[in-house]
Amino acid sequence: MAVHYELEGPVAVVTVDRPGRRNAIDNETAEALGDAWERFDGDDDALVGVLTGSEGTFSAGADLKAMDLEDRPEGWLGFTRTRVSKPTIAAIEGHCVAGGLEMALWCDLRIASSSAVFGCFERRFGVPLVDGGTQRLPHVIGLGRALDMIITGREVDPETAMEWGLVNRLVEEGTALDAAVELGETVAGFPQETLRTDREAVYDGLGSTLEQGLAAEGWHGSRALDVAEAGADRFAGGAGRSGEGVPDEE
């Protein structure tokens, strides 16, 4: 199988396993990725999803030797035009380029090791960005830096990616998946209702006016008021003081 789905406690790990092709995505793999994320969204035991690649490579993007991807409603790579209801993290080792970068941008957070390499390498072959890169990259790193990557196809090292905000955590080589699972377990320990409504409000507000965004925030927040009241009661009882339960930033 080119894609594996495994539960590690409350964290679902979705792994692209085509090391002989640098975990590039052909049509069969794209279908499997779509199925994996649909499974994650409906899996009550999975609270956080982690996307990674096997054997030290995240993904080189579309398989340009196979060239059999289809323009499906869910995206050429199987899932990049969809949105799941729970948080996702990319665990990045090695090359995260072309469509691989677009898959990482689909995730909410990105943890990369010191071996990571980022870039819109499809520029070199005349292949367009069609899995969300032109839309998500400017939101994550800003217009100027996004256009630099998209127009020049430049390679971006992990330190620069961290400085730009493309990466949220930088870890030692070989530890990205462990770090992502650990972070996922922390996120899974928070009250899920408000975590998800806040996340939805962020995405629903993208591209909106401030007034529209505030309205979306208010609507999503109103759906979790009972959880907020329970949390306030716990705080009044002494829980969560001095940052308890909040992960330290490394």
Protein backbone atom coordinates (compact mmCIF):
# COMPACT_ATOMS: atom_id res chain seq x y z
CA MET A 1 0.00 0.00 0.00
CA ALA A 2 1.23 3.47 -0.90
CA VAL A 3 -0.56 5.14 2.02
CA HIS A 4 -0.75 3.90 5.60
CA TYR A 5 -3.23 4.99 8.29
CA GLU A 6 -2.23 4.22 11.87
CA LEU A 7 -3.52 5.37 15.24
CA GLU A 8 -1.02 6.35 17.91
CA GLY A 9 -3.33 7.06 20.81
CA PRO A 10 -5.54 9.99 19.74
CA VAL A 11 -3.27 10.82 16.78
CA ALA A 12 -3.85 9.39 13.31
CA VAL A 13 -0.64 9.16 11.27
CA VAL A 14 -1.10 9.18 7.50
CA THR A 15 2.12 8.10 5.76
CA VAL A 16 2.94 8.26 2.06
CA ASP A 17 5.08 5.20 1.40
CA ARG A 18 6.64 5.32 -2.06
CA PRO A 19 10.32 5.76 -1.16
CA GLY A 20 11.50 4.60 -4.57
CA ARG A 21 9.73 7.61 -6.08
CA ARG A 22 10.60 10.04 -3.25
CA ASN A 23 7.01 9.61 -2.07
CA ALA A 24 5.72 11.24 -5.23
CA ILE A 25 1.98 11.00 -5.79
CA ASP A 26 0.44 9.03 -8.63
CA ASN A 27 -3.29 8.61 -9.15
CA GLU A 28 -3.58 5.50 -6.99
CA THR A 29 -1.77 7.26 -4.14
CA ALA A 30 -3.95 10.35 -4.52
CA GLU A 31 -7.07 8.21 -4.18
CA ALA A 32 -5.60 6.53 -1.10
CA LEU A 33 -4.77 9.90 0.46
CA GLY A 34 -8.32 11.08 -0.10
CA ASP A 35 -9.64 7.92 1.52
CA ALA A 36 -7.25 8.30 4.47
CA TRP A 37 -8.34 11.84 5.28
CA GLU A 38 -12.00 10.95 4.86
CA ARG A 39 -11.40 8.10 7.29
CA PHE A 40 -9.69 10.47 9.72
CA ASP A 41 -12.57 12.93 9.64
CA GLY A 42 -15.02 10.17 10.54
CA ASP A 43 -12.79 8.42 13.08
CA ASP A 44 -14.01 9.33 16.57
CA ASP A 45 -10.82 7.91 18.08
CA ALA A 46 -8.61 10.25 16.03
CA LEU A 47 -8.49 13.82 17.34
CA VAL A 48 -5.43 15.07 15.45
CA GLY A 49 -4.03 13.99 12.10
CA VAL A 50 -0.35 13.86 11.12
CA LEU A 51 0.80 13.69 7.50
CA THR A 52 4.30 12.39 6.78
CA GLY A 53 6.40 10.48 4.27
CA SER A 54 8.47 7.33 4.64
CA GLU A 55 12.24 6.87 4.78
CA GLY A 56 13.37 10.45 5.32
CA THR A 57 11.39 12.20 2.58
CA PHE A 58 8.10 14.05 2.93
CA SER A 59 7.09 14.14 -0.74
CA ALA A 60 8.41 15.31 -4.09
CA GLY A 61 4.87 16.11 -5.22
CA ALA A 62 3.19 14.76 -8.32
CA ASP A 63 4.80 11.73 -9.94
CA LEU A 64 5.95 13.27 -13.23
CA LYS A 65 6.90 9.86 -14.61
CA ALA A 66 3.42 8.46 -14.13
CA MET A 67 1.60 11.70 -15.09
CA ASP A 68 -1.74 10.04 -14.37
CA LEU A 69 -3.28 12.38 -11.81
CA GLU A 70 -6.86 13.48 -12.38
CA ASP A 71 -8.49 16.85 -11.73
CA ARG A 72 -10.94 15.47 -9.18
CA PRO A 73 -13.17 17.78 -7.09
CA GLU A 74 -11.08 16.91 -3.99
CA GLY A 75 -7.88 18.07 -5.70
CA TRP A 76 -5.31 16.56 -8.03
CA LEU A 77 -3.50 15.03 -5.03
CA GLY A 78 -6.70 13.57 -3.62
CA PHE A 79 -7.55 15.89 -0.74
CA THR A 80 -6.12 19.39 -1.16
CA ARG A 81 -9.48 21.03 -1.97
CA THR A 82 -11.12 19.51 1.10
CA ARG A 83 -11.17 20.60 4.73
CA VAL A 84 -11.32 18.20 7.62
CA SER A 85 -12.96 19.14 10.91
CA LYS A 86 -9.96 18.38 13.16
CA PRO A 87 -6.41 19.75 13.47
CA THR A 88 -3.66 18.45 11.20
CA ILE A 89 0.13 18.56 11.40
CA ALA A 90 2.74 17.89 8.72
CA ALA A 91 5.85 16.03 9.93
CA ILE A 92 8.55 16.90 7.44
CA GLU A 93 11.87 15.21 6.77
CA GLY A 94 13.87 15.71 3.59
CA HIS A 95 12.28 17.05 0.42
CA CYS A 96 8.95 18.83 0.80
CA VAL A 97 8.70 20.31 -2.65
CA ALA A 98 6.23 21.00 -5.45
CA GLY A 99 2.99 19.18 -4.60
CA GLY A 100 4.62 17.94 -1.42
CA LEU A 101 4.83 21.55 -0.25
CA GLU A 102 1.18 22.05 -1.21
CA MET A 103 0.21 19.03 0.89
CA ALA A 104 2.16 20.41 3.85
CA LEU A 105 0.43 23.78 3.41
CA TRP A 106 -2.94 22.01 3.59
CA CYS A 107 -2.06 21.05 7.15
CA ASP A 108 -2.66 23.50 9.99
CA LEU A 109 0.85 23.20 11.43
CA ARG A 110 4.22 22.08 10.09
CA ILE A 111 7.07 20.49 12.04
CA ALA A 112 10.30 20.10 10.09
CA SER A 113 13.65 18.54 10.82
CA SER A 114 17.03 19.98 9.97
CA SER A 115 17.07 17.79 6.83
CA ALA A 116 14.02 19.49 5.30
CA VAL A 117 14.12 21.15 1.89
CA PHE A 118 11.26 23.34 0.66
CA GLY A 119 10.52 24.76 -2.75
CA CYS A 120 8.15 25.15 -5.69
CA PHE A 121 10.39 22.91 -7.79
CA GLU A 122 7.63 22.34 -10.37
CA ARG A 123 8.69 25.75 -11.72
CA ARG A 124 11.67 24.02 -13.31
CA PHE A 125 9.45 21.75 -15.41
CA GLY A 126 6.59 24.08 -16.34
CA VAL A 127 4.12 22.34 -14.06
CA PRO A 128 1.54 24.66 -12.44
CA LEU A 129 0.66 24.83 -8.77
CA VAL A 130 -2.86 23.39 -8.71
CA ASP A 131 -3.21 21.94 -5.19
CA GLY A 132 -3.62 25.13 -3.20
CA GLY A 133 -0.07 26.48 -3.24
CA THR A 134 -0.90 29.79 -4.91
CA GLN A 135 -3.62 30.42 -2.32
CA ARG A 136 -2.25 28.98 0.92
CA LEU A 137 1.41 29.99 0.64
CA PRO A 138 0.72 33.78 0.63
CA HIS A 139 -1.51 33.37 3.69
CA VAL A 140 1.23 31.50 5.54
CA ILE A 141 4.38 33.49 4.66
CA GLY A 142 3.12 36.69 3.03
CA LEU A 143 2.73 37.80 -0.57
CA GLY A 144 6.31 38.86 -1.29
CA ARG A 145 7.95 35.70 0.00
CA ALA A 146 5.32 33.49 -1.61
CA LEU A 147 5.84 35.10 -5.00
CA ASP A 148 9.59 34.72 -4.57
CA MET A 149 9.18 30.97 -4.05
CA ILE A 150 6.55 30.54 -6.77
CA ILE A 151 8.24 32.64 -9.47
CA THR A 152 11.86 31.60 -8.92
CA GLY A 153 11.40 28.01 -7.74
CA ARG A 154 14.13 28.69 -5.20
CA GLU A 155 15.16 26.20 -2.54
CA VAL A 156 14.33 27.23 1.01
CA ASP A 157 16.28 25.75 3.90
CA PRO A 158 14.61 24.84 7.21
CA GLU A 159 16.07 27.80 9.11
CA THR A 160 14.67 30.25 6.55
CA ALA A 161 11.37 28.37 6.55
CA MET A 162 11.22 28.77 10.32
CA GLU A 163 12.05 32.48 10.09
CA TRP A 164 9.32 33.00 7.49
CA GLY A 165 6.66 31.11 9.44
CA LEU A 166 6.43 28.34 6.87
CA VAL A 167 7.49 25.99 9.67
CA ASN A 168 6.09 26.16 13.20
CA ARG A 169 8.67 23.94 14.92
CA LEU A 170 12.20 22.96 13.90
CA VAL A 171 13.62 19.72 15.32
CA GLU A 172 16.61 17.45 14.90
CA GLU A 173 16.87 15.21 11.85
CA GLY A 174 14.87 12.03 12.21
CA THR A 175 12.57 13.35 14.96
CA ALA A 176 9.86 15.26 13.06
CA LEU A 177 7.27 12.49 13.30
CA ASP A 178 7.85 11.93 17.01
CA ALA A 179 7.60 15.67 17.64
CA ALA A 180 4.39 15.91 15.59
CA VAL A 181 2.77 13.00 17.43
CA GLU A 182 3.79 14.51 20.77
CA LEU A 183 2.31 17.87 19.80
CA GLY A 184 -0.80 16.10 18.52
CA GLU A 185 -1.24 14.36 21.85
CA THR A 186 -1.02 17.71 23.62
CA VAL A 187 -3.61 19.25 21.29
CA ALA A 188 -5.83 16.20 21.76
CA GLY A 189 -5.82 16.88 25.51
CA PHE A 190 -7.58 20.25 25.12
CA PRO A 191 -11.39 20.57 25.09
CA GLN A 192 -12.12 19.64 21.50
CA GLU A 193 -15.36 21.53 20.91
CA THR A 194 -13.88 25.01 21.31
CA LEU A 195 -10.60 24.05 19.66
CA ARG A 196 -12.51 23.03 16.55
CA THR A 197 -14.90 26.00 16.50
CA ASP A 198 -11.97 28.42 16.86
CA ARG A 199 -10.14 26.65 14.04
CA GLU A 200 -13.23 26.80 11.83
CA ALA A 201 -13.63 30.51 12.56
CA VAL A 202 -10.08 31.18 11.38
CA TYR A 203 -10.63 29.43 8.05
CA ASP A 204 -14.11 30.85 7.52
CA GLY A 205 -12.73 34.35 8.07
CA LEU A 206 -9.99 34.11 5.45
CA GLY A 207 -10.70 36.47 2.58
CA SER A 208 -13.58 38.13 4.44
CA THR A 209 -13.96 41.67 5.67
CA LEU A 210 -13.31 42.24 9.36
CA GLU A 211 -17.05 42.52 9.96
CA GLN A 212 -17.73 39.24 8.19
CA GLY A 213 -14.90 37.54 10.06
CA LEU A 214 -16.15 38.77 13.40
CA ALA A 215 -19.63 37.50 12.57
CA ALA A 216 -18.19 34.07 11.70
CA GLU A 217 -16.19 34.07 14.93
CA GLY A 218 -19.27 34.95 16.96
CA TRP A 219 -21.36 32.25 15.33
CA HIS A 220 -18.76 29.54 15.82
CA GLY A 221 -18.07 30.64 19.40
CA SER A 222 -21.74 30.56 20.30
CA ARG A 223 -21.81 26.85 19.48
CA ALA A 224 -19.39 26.07 22.30
CA LEU A 225 -20.60 28.25 25.15
CA ASP A 226 -21.48 25.28 27.35
CA VAL A 227 -17.90 24.05 27.07
CA ALA A 228 -16.65 27.53 27.90
CA GLU A 229 -18.79 27.64 31.03
CA ALA A 230 -17.45 24.27 32.15
CA GLY A 231 -13.90 25.48 31.53
CA ALA A 232 -14.49 28.64 33.53
CA ASP A 233 -15.70 26.51 36.42
CA ARG A 234 -12.53 24.41 36.26
CA PHE A 235 -10.39 27.56 36.22
CA ALA A 236 -12.25 28.94 39.24
CA GLY A 237 -11.49 25.66 40.97
CA GLY A 238 -7.73 26.16 40.44
CA ALA A 239 -7.03 24.22 37.24
CA GLY A 240 -4.75 25.50 34.51
CA ARG A 241 -2.92 28.13 36.55
CA SER A 242 0.60 29.30 35.58
CA GLY A 243 0.25 27.95 32.05
CA GLU A 244 -0.40 24.37 33.11
CA GLY A 245 -1.48 22.26 30.17
CA VAL A 246 0.04 24.59 27.56
CA PRO A 247 3.00 23.15 25.59
CA ASP A 248 6.32 24.94 25.94
CA GLU A 249 7.68 26.45 22.72
CA GLU A 250 10.98 24.90 21.74
